Amino acid sequence: VGADNTKNVVTVYYIKDEKGTNPENPDKGDGIPDKYQITFQYQSEDAGKGSVTGTKKEVATVQEITRDKETNVIISVGEKVPQSPTQPSTVKAHEGYHFSKWTDEAGTEYKSDTELKAAKYGTDQTFTAHFEADAQTYYVKYINDDAKAGEDNVIETSEPSKTVYGETVKAITHKKEIEGYVFVRAGSDLTVGTNNDTNYVELYYSKDEKGTNPENPDKG
């Protein structure tokens, strides 16, 4: 301490500590400076296909510190050691979809939580869960538009075709020639659902077994 009080100053240094490794409260400091820690976050690529809930943020320490036992001053900082995410979130696909992969900010893909947990990072990272539509099938009904109520009106039914949930199937694209019938109209387009028994489109035909050709009046 000197005679000039303006120079009698003691400087104490602090470092930001706004996050911590407590999984229940990662936004609360834990005594380790933030610059020695990294944050992993988890999100859904499309909330309409699947969700990521629960613990969506975690903090990992990449550089260990040592403090003086008496003064609590940081006396040493360890080398940076990349850490692995623990993937603590809950991932759930919506009806018609399934989880397909995780990606990091660089686009690296991980097909499972196990693969993601084996990765190591030295900087903040956000991981994105991706979902894909489930495989489904649909079929086409060719309908006799002349059939009366109570009569079997199906001329023929196609074999199932492969598709995926949520796809739009345009009925008109399945129009074809049917012997003895003429095309009338296409039914409604289909938005593929999860029940393959109800995944179908309809096309309507009318009988055409006679014509105006005098040489062959029995041909439509």
C-alpha atoms as a PDB file:
ATOM      1  CA  VAL A   1       0.000   0.000   0.000  1.00  0.00           C
ATOM      2  CA  GLY A   2       1.391   3.366  -1.048  1.00  0.00           C
ATOM      3  CA  ALA A   3       0.634   6.970  -0.262  1.00  0.00           C
ATOM      4  CA  ASP A   4      -1.376   7.474  -3.474  1.00  0.00           C
ATOM      5  CA  ASN A   5      -4.735   5.821  -2.857  1.00  0.00           C
ATOM      6  CA  THR A   6      -5.627   5.995  -6.546  1.00  0.00           C
ATOM      7  CA  LYS A   7      -2.919   3.447  -7.135  1.00  0.00           C
ATOM      8  CA  ASN A   8      -3.884   1.234  -4.230  1.00  0.00           C
ATOM      9  CA  VAL A   9      -5.889  -1.139  -6.401  1.00  0.00           C
ATOM     10  CA  VAL A  10      -6.243  -4.895  -6.263  1.00  0.00           C
ATOM     11  CA  THR A  11      -7.483  -6.528  -9.481  1.00  0.00           C
ATOM     12  CA  VAL A  12      -9.453  -9.772  -9.319  1.00  0.00           C
ATOM     13  CA  TYR A  13     -10.157 -11.617 -12.578  1.00  0.00           C
ATOM     14  CA  TYR A  14     -13.288 -13.618 -13.368  1.00  0.00           C
ATOM     15  CA  ILE A  15     -14.267 -15.808 -16.301  1.00  0.00           C
ATOM     16  CA  LYS A  16     -17.824 -16.448 -17.481  1.00  0.00           C
ATOM     17  CA  ASP A  17     -19.484 -19.512 -15.998  1.00  0.00           C
ATOM     18  CA  GLU A  18     -23.044 -19.637 -17.299  1.00  0.00           C
ATOM     19  CA  LYS A  19     -23.287 -23.320 -18.175  1.00  0.00           C
ATOM     20  CA  GLY A  20     -22.534 -26.565 -16.405  1.00  0.00           C
ATOM     21  CA  THR A  21     -22.469 -30.337 -16.620  1.00  0.00           C
ATOM     22  CA  ASN A  22     -25.592 -30.888 -14.501  1.00  0.00           C
ATOM     23  CA  PRO A  23     -27.928 -32.592 -17.039  1.00  0.00           C
ATOM     24  CA  GLU A  24     -30.982 -31.234 -15.225  1.00  0.00           C
ATOM     25  CA  ASN A  25     -29.781 -27.631 -15.511  1.00  0.00           C
ATOM     26  CA  PRO A  26     -27.087 -27.158 -18.186  1.00  0.00           C
ATOM     27  CA  ASP A  27     -27.680 -23.392 -18.169  1.00  0.00           C
ATOM     28  CA  LYS A  28     -26.342 -22.992 -14.625  1.00  0.00           C
ATOM     29  CA  GLY A  29     -22.624 -22.504 -13.959  1.00  0.00           C
ATOM     30  CA  ASP A  30     -20.685 -25.328 -12.323  1.00  0.00           C
ATOM     31  CA  GLY A  31     -17.466 -23.645 -11.278  1.00  0.00           C
ATOM     32  CA  ILE A  32     -15.645 -24.450 -14.514  1.00  0.00           C
ATOM     33  CA  PRO A  33     -15.109 -21.529 -16.923  1.00  0.00           C
ATOM     34  CA  ASP A  34     -17.336 -21.839 -19.998  1.00  0.00           C
ATOM     35  CA  LYS A  35     -14.377 -21.499 -22.356  1.00  0.00           C
ATOM     36  CA  TYR A  36     -13.169 -24.909 -21.174  1.00  0.00           C
ATOM     37  CA  GLN A  37     -16.500 -26.554 -21.928  1.00  0.00           C
ATOM     38  CA  ILE A  38     -18.590 -27.340 -25.000  1.00  0.00           C
ATOM     39  CA  THR A  39     -22.331 -27.684 -25.517  1.00  0.00           C
ATOM     40  CA  PHE A  40     -24.145 -30.464 -27.365  1.00  0.00           C
ATOM     41  CA  GLN A  41     -27.714 -29.768 -28.491  1.00  0.00           C
ATOM     42  CA  TYR A  42     -30.317 -32.057 -30.088  1.00  0.00           C
ATOM     43  CA  GLN A  43     -33.173 -31.173 -32.444  1.00  0.00           C
ATOM     44  CA  SER A  44     -35.618 -32.620 -34.976  1.00  0.00           C
ATOM     45  CA  GLU A  45     -35.119 -31.956 -38.675  1.00  0.00           C
ATOM     46  CA  ASP A  46     -38.911 -31.859 -39.197  1.00  0.00           C
ATOM     47  CA  ALA A  47     -41.316 -31.636 -36.253  1.00  0.00           C
ATOM     48  CA  GLY A  48     -44.069 -32.911 -38.530  1.00  0.00           C
ATOM     49  CA  LYS A  49     -42.281 -36.252 -38.891  1.00  0.00           C
ATOM     50  CA  GLY A  50     -40.843 -36.803 -35.441  1.00  0.00           C
ATOM     51  CA  SER A  51     -39.911 -35.151 -32.159  1.00  0.00           C
ATOM     52  CA  VAL A  52     -36.864 -34.708 -29.954  1.00  0.00           C
ATOM     53  CA  THR A  53     -37.892 -34.036 -26.360  1.00  0.00           C
ATOM     54  CA  GLY A  54     -36.586 -34.313 -22.798  1.00  0.00           C
ATOM     55  CA  THR A  55     -32.961 -33.328 -22.239  1.00  0.00           C
ATOM     56  CA  LYS A  56     -32.001 -31.539 -25.444  1.00  0.00           C
ATOM     57  CA  LYS A  57     -28.831 -29.848 -24.201  1.00  0.00           C
ATOM     58  CA  GLU A  58     -25.764 -31.132 -22.363  1.00  0.00           C
ATOM     59  CA  VAL A  59     -22.410 -29.631 -21.428  1.00  0.00           C
ATOM     60  CA  ALA A  60     -19.081 -31.464 -21.491  1.00  0.00           C
ATOM     61  CA  THR A  61     -15.708 -30.330 -20.152  1.00  0.00           C
ATOM     62  CA  VAL A  62     -12.877 -30.516 -22.681  1.00  0.00           C
ATOM     63  CA  GLN A  63     -10.140 -28.934 -20.548  1.00  0.00           C
ATOM     64  CA  GLU A  64      -9.754 -29.818 -16.880  1.00  0.00           C
ATOM     65  CA  ILE A  65      -8.639 -27.100 -14.454  1.00  0.00           C
ATOM     66  CA  THR A  66      -6.720 -27.256 -11.190  1.00  0.00           C
ATOM     67  CA  ARG A  67      -7.309 -24.682  -8.420  1.00  0.00           C
ATOM     68  CA  ASP A  68      -5.142 -23.707  -5.512  1.00  0.00           C
ATOM     69  CA  LYS A  69      -6.596 -25.325  -2.397  1.00  0.00           C
ATOM     70  CA  GLU A  70      -6.287 -22.165  -0.330  1.00  0.00           C
ATOM     71  CA  THR A  71      -6.970 -19.306  -2.736  1.00  0.00           C
ATOM     72  CA  ASN A  72      -9.167 -21.206  -5.257  1.00  0.00           C
ATOM     73  CA  VAL A  73      -7.183 -19.538  -8.031  1.00  0.00           C
ATOM     74  CA  ILE A  74      -6.869 -21.535 -11.264  1.00  0.00           C
ATOM     75  CA  ILE A  75      -3.247 -22.609 -11.355  1.00  0.00           C
ATOM     76  CA  SER A  76      -3.268 -24.948 -14.359  1.00  0.00           C
ATOM     77  CA  VAL A  77      -5.384 -25.857 -17.377  1.00  0.00           C
ATOM     78  CA  GLY A  78      -5.128 -29.254 -19.046  1.00  0.00           C
ATOM     79  CA  GLU A  79      -4.851 -30.051 -22.733  1.00  0.00           C
ATOM     80  CA  LYS A  80      -8.055 -30.063 -24.764  1.00  0.00           C
ATOM     81  CA  VAL A  81      -9.601 -33.541 -24.849  1.00  0.00           C
ATOM     82  CA  PRO A  82     -12.548 -34.032 -27.274  1.00  0.00           C
ATOM     83  CA  GLN A  83     -15.676 -35.454 -25.648  1.00  0.00           C
ATOM     84  CA  SER A  84     -18.482 -37.743 -26.791  1.00  0.00           C
ATOM     85  CA  PRO A  85     -22.182 -36.825 -26.753  1.00  0.00           C
ATOM     86  CA  THR A  86     -24.356 -38.998 -24.512  1.00  0.00           C
ATOM     87  CA  GLN A  87     -27.574 -38.357 -26.508  1.00  0.00           C
ATOM     88  CA  PRO A  88     -29.844 -37.896 -23.468  1.00  0.00           C
ATOM     89  CA  SER A  89     -32.898 -36.786 -25.470  1.00  0.00           C
ATOM     90  CA  THR A  90     -35.987 -38.826 -26.318  1.00  0.00           C
ATOM     91  CA  VAL A  91     -36.535 -39.353 -30.049  1.00  0.00           C
ATOM     92  CA  LYS A  92     -39.975 -40.397 -31.291  1.00  0.00           C
ATOM     93  CA  ALA A  93     -41.186 -40.758 -34.864  1.00  0.00           C
ATOM     94  CA  HIS A  94     -44.767 -39.797 -35.677  1.00  0.00           C
ATOM     95  CA  GLU A  95     -47.217 -42.255 -37.259  1.00  0.00           C
ATOM     96  CA  GLY A  96     -46.070 -43.206 -40.743  1.00  0.00           C
ATOM     97  CA  TYR A  97     -42.417 -42.348 -40.118  1.00  0.00           C
ATOM     98  CA  HIS A  98     -39.312 -43.884 -38.554  1.00  0.00           C
ATOM     99  CA  PHE A  99     -36.005 -42.526 -37.280  1.00  0.00           C
ATOM    100  CA  SER A 100     -33.332 -42.770 -39.977  1.00  0.00           C
ATOM    101  CA  LYS A 101     -30.176 -40.985 -38.746  1.00  0.00           C
ATOM    102  CA  TRP A 102     -28.457 -38.234 -36.798  1.00  0.00           C
ATOM    103  CA  THR A 103     -26.356 -35.593 -38.545  1.00  0.00           C
ATOM    104  CA  ASP A 104     -23.906 -33.103 -37.075  1.00  0.00           C
ATOM    105  CA  GLU A 105     -23.304 -29.567 -38.305  1.00  0.00           C
ATOM    106  CA  ALA A 106     -20.846 -30.812 -40.935  1.00  0.00           C
ATOM    107  CA  GLY A 107     -23.336 -33.330 -42.312  1.00  0.00           C
ATOM    108  CA  THR A 108     -21.639 -36.407 -40.821  1.00  0.00           C
ATOM    109  CA  GLU A 109     -24.251 -39.157 -40.472  1.00  0.00           C
ATOM    110  CA  TYR A 110     -24.833 -41.515 -37.564  1.00  0.00           C
ATOM    111  CA  LYS A 111     -27.374 -44.293 -38.078  1.00  0.00           C
ATOM    112  CA  SER A 112     -27.980 -44.901 -34.372  1.00  0.00           C
ATOM    113  CA  ASP A 113     -27.479 -43.468 -30.890  1.00  0.00           C
ATOM    114  CA  THR A 114     -24.636 -45.953 -30.428  1.00  0.00           C
ATOM    115  CA  GLU A 115     -22.752 -44.546 -33.424  1.00  0.00           C
ATOM    116  CA  LEU A 116     -23.339 -40.968 -32.250  1.00  0.00           C
ATOM    117  CA  LYS A 117     -22.109 -41.719 -28.723  1.00  0.00           C
ATOM    118  CA  ALA A 118     -18.842 -43.063 -30.154  1.00  0.00           C
ATOM    119  CA  ALA A 119     -18.054 -39.760 -31.918  1.00  0.00           C
ATOM    120  CA  LYS A 120     -15.835 -37.121 -30.288  1.00  0.00           C
ATOM    121  CA  TYR A 121     -15.936 -33.329 -30.566  1.00  0.00           C
ATOM    122  CA  GLY A 122     -13.873 -30.457 -29.249  1.00  0.00           C
ATOM    123  CA  THR A 123     -16.313 -27.658 -30.084  1.00  0.00           C
ATOM    124  CA  ASP A 124     -20.024 -26.886 -29.679  1.00  0.00           C
ATOM    125  CA  GLN A 125     -22.249 -29.052 -31.831  1.00  0.00           C
ATOM    126  CA  THR A 126     -25.920 -29.397 -32.705  1.00  0.00           C
ATOM    127  CA  PHE A 127     -27.164 -32.837 -33.705  1.00  0.00           C
ATOM    128  CA  THR A 128     -30.252 -33.208 -35.882  1.00  0.00           C
ATOM    129  CA  ALA A 129     -32.554 -36.237 -35.915  1.00  0.00           C
ATOM    130  CA  HIS A 130     -33.928 -37.177 -39.336  1.00  0.00           C
ATOM    131  CA  PHE A 131     -37.044 -39.210 -40.059  1.00  0.00           C
ATOM    132  CA  GLU A 132     -38.162 -41.072 -43.174  1.00  0.00           C
ATOM    133  CA  ALA A 133     -41.593 -42.167 -44.359  1.00  0.00           C
ATOM    134  CA  ASP A 134     -42.491 -45.827 -43.814  1.00  0.00           C
ATOM    135  CA  ALA A 135     -42.715 -48.127 -46.822  1.00  0.00           C
ATOM    136  CA  GLN A 136     -46.320 -48.743 -47.916  1.00  0.00           C
ATOM    137  CA  THR A 137     -48.217 -50.153 -50.900  1.00  0.00           C
ATOM    138  CA  TYR A 138     -51.272 -49.135 -52.877  1.00  0.00           C
ATOM    139  CA  TYR A 139     -53.414 -50.692 -55.598  1.00  0.00           C
ATOM    140  CA  VAL A 140     -55.790 -49.630 -58.341  1.00  0.00           C
ATOM    141  CA  LYS A 141     -59.453 -50.551 -58.683  1.00  0.00           C
ATOM    142  CA  TYR A 142     -61.000 -50.468 -62.164  1.00  0.00           C
ATOM    143  CA  ILE A 143     -64.700 -49.851 -61.684  1.00  0.00           C
ATOM    144  CA  ASN A 144     -67.713 -50.602 -63.890  1.00  0.00           C
ATOM    145  CA  ASP A 145     -69.548 -47.286 -63.852  1.00  0.00           C
ATOM    146  CA  ASP A 146     -72.682 -48.982 -65.213  1.00  0.00           C
ATOM    147  CA  ALA A 147     -73.112 -51.370 -62.290  1.00  0.00           C
ATOM    148  CA  LYS A 148     -76.284 -51.029 -60.287  1.00  0.00           C
ATOM    149  CA  ALA A 149     -76.436 -50.717 -56.523  1.00  0.00           C
ATOM    150  CA  GLY A 150     -75.624 -54.011 -54.848  1.00  0.00           C
ATOM    151  CA  GLU A 151     -73.820 -55.418 -57.889  1.00  0.00           C
ATOM    152  CA  ASP A 152     -70.110 -56.197 -57.939  1.00  0.00           C
ATOM    153  CA  ASN A 153     -68.747 -53.181 -59.755  1.00  0.00           C
ATOM    154  CA  VAL A 154     -65.030 -54.083 -59.808  1.00  0.00           C
ATOM    155  CA  ILE A 155     -63.786 -55.035 -63.272  1.00  0.00           C
ATOM    156  CA  GLU A 156     -60.289 -55.839 -62.059  1.00  0.00           C
ATOM    157  CA  THR A 157     -57.779 -54.903 -59.377  1.00  0.00           C
ATOM    158  CA  SER A 158     -54.082 -54.268 -59.905  1.00  0.00           C
ATOM    159  CA  GLU A 159     -51.219 -55.873 -58.021  1.00  0.00           C
ATOM    160  CA  PRO A 160     -49.873 -53.760 -55.116  1.00  0.00           C
ATOM    161  CA  SER A 161     -47.335 -51.073 -56.026  1.00  0.00           C
ATOM    162  CA  LYS A 162     -44.615 -49.822 -53.712  1.00  0.00           C
ATOM    163  CA  THR A 163     -44.769 -46.321 -52.248  1.00  0.00           C
ATOM    164  CA  VAL A 164     -44.176 -44.524 -48.945  1.00  0.00           C
ATOM    165  CA  TYR A 165     -46.382 -42.891 -46.348  1.00  0.00           C
ATOM    166  CA  GLY A 166     -47.629 -39.418 -47.272  1.00  0.00           C
ATOM    167  CA  GLU A 167     -46.977 -39.714 -51.005  1.00  0.00           C
ATOM    168  CA  THR A 168     -49.677 -38.594 -53.457  1.00  0.00           C
ATOM    169  CA  VAL A 169     -50.845 -41.120 -56.033  1.00  0.00           C
ATOM    170  CA  LYS A 170     -52.665 -39.553 -58.986  1.00  0.00           C
ATOM    171  CA  ALA A 171     -55.451 -41.819 -60.166  1.00  0.00           C
ATOM    172  CA  ILE A 172     -55.331 -40.661 -63.798  1.00  0.00           C
ATOM    173  CA  THR A 173     -51.761 -41.945 -64.204  1.00  0.00           C
ATOM    174  CA  HIS A 174     -53.129 -45.489 -63.974  1.00  0.00           C
ATOM    175  CA  LYS A 175     -55.580 -45.145 -66.846  1.00  0.00           C
ATOM    176  CA  LYS A 176     -55.348 -48.054 -69.291  1.00  0.00           C
ATOM    177  CA  GLU A 177     -57.285 -49.783 -72.037  1.00  0.00           C
ATOM    178  CA  ILE A 178     -59.685 -52.535 -70.940  1.00  0.00           C
ATOM    179  CA  GLU A 179     -61.271 -54.817 -73.552  1.00  0.00           C
ATOM    180  CA  GLY A 180     -65.026 -54.221 -73.781  1.00  0.00           C
ATOM    181  CA  TYR A 181     -64.948 -50.973 -71.823  1.00  0.00           C
ATOM    182  CA  VAL A 182     -64.257 -47.297 -72.452  1.00  0.00           C
ATOM    183  CA  PHE A 183     -62.690 -44.958 -69.924  1.00  0.00           C
ATOM    184  CA  VAL A 184     -65.077 -42.520 -68.232  1.00  0.00           C
ATOM    185  CA  ARG A 185     -63.277 -40.740 -65.386  1.00  0.00           C
ATOM    186  CA  ALA A 186     -60.685 -40.979 -62.667  1.00  0.00           C
ATOM    187  CA  GLY A 187     -61.567 -41.048 -59.000  1.00  0.00           C
ATOM    188  CA  SER A 188     -59.899 -39.014 -56.270  1.00  0.00           C
ATOM    189  CA  ASP A 189     -56.145 -38.974 -55.880  1.00  0.00           C
ATOM    190  CA  LEU A 190     -54.700 -40.835 -52.893  1.00  0.00           C
ATOM    191  CA  THR A 191     -52.578 -39.554 -50.046  1.00  0.00           C
ATOM    192  CA  VAL A 192     -50.906 -42.756 -48.877  1.00  0.00           C
ATOM    193  CA  GLY A 193     -51.750 -43.723 -45.311  1.00  0.00           C
ATOM    194  CA  THR A 194     -50.607 -46.464 -42.936  1.00  0.00           C
ATOM    195  CA  ASN A 195     -53.354 -48.970 -43.844  1.00  0.00           C
ATOM    196  CA  ASN A 196     -52.486 -50.659 -47.125  1.00  0.00           C
ATOM    197  CA  ASP A 197     -56.001 -52.111 -47.390  1.00  0.00           C
ATOM    198  CA  THR A 198     -57.381 -48.614 -47.878  1.00  0.00           C
ATOM    199  CA  ASN A 199     -54.514 -47.319 -49.999  1.00  0.00           C
ATOM    200  CA  TYR A 200     -56.112 -47.423 -53.440  1.00  0.00           C
ATOM    201  CA  VAL A 201     -57.323 -45.251 -56.296  1.00  0.00           C
ATOM    202  CA  GLU A 202     -60.262 -45.884 -58.609  1.00  0.00           C
ATOM    203  CA  LEU A 203     -60.803 -45.445 -62.327  1.00  0.00           C
ATOM    204  CA  TYR A 204     -64.262 -45.727 -63.860  1.00  0.00           C
ATOM    205  CA  TYR A 205     -65.197 -47.401 -67.137  1.00  0.00           C
ATOM    206  CA  SER A 206     -68.395 -47.984 -69.068  1.00  0.00           C
ATOM    207  CA  LYS A 207     -69.257 -50.986 -71.231  1.00  0.00           C
ATOM    208  CA  ASP A 208     -68.402 -50.571 -74.894  1.00  0.00           C
ATOM    209  CA  GLU A 209     -69.402 -53.792 -76.658  1.00  0.00           C
ATOM    210  CA  LYS A 210     -71.100 -52.364 -79.725  1.00  0.00           C
ATOM    211  CA  GLY A 211     -70.303 -49.728 -82.304  1.00  0.00           C
ATOM    212  CA  THR A 212     -71.386 -47.878 -85.410  1.00  0.00           C
ATOM    213  CA  ASN A 213     -69.201 -49.840 -87.808  1.00  0.00           C
ATOM    214  CA  PRO A 214     -71.763 -51.634 -90.011  1.00  0.00           C
ATOM    215  CA  GLU A 215     -69.250 -54.367 -90.740  1.00  0.00           C
ATOM    216  CA  ASN A 216     -68.742 -55.120 -87.058  1.00  0.00           C
ATOM    217  CA  PRO A 217     -71.543 -53.677 -84.930  1.00  0.00           C
ATOM    218  CA  ASP A 218     -70.586 -55.936 -81.995  1.00  0.00           C
ATOM    219  CA  LYS A 219     -67.274 -54.165 -81.486  1.00  0.00           C
ATOM    220  CA  GLY A 220     -67.108 -51.067 -79.364  1.00  0.00           C
END
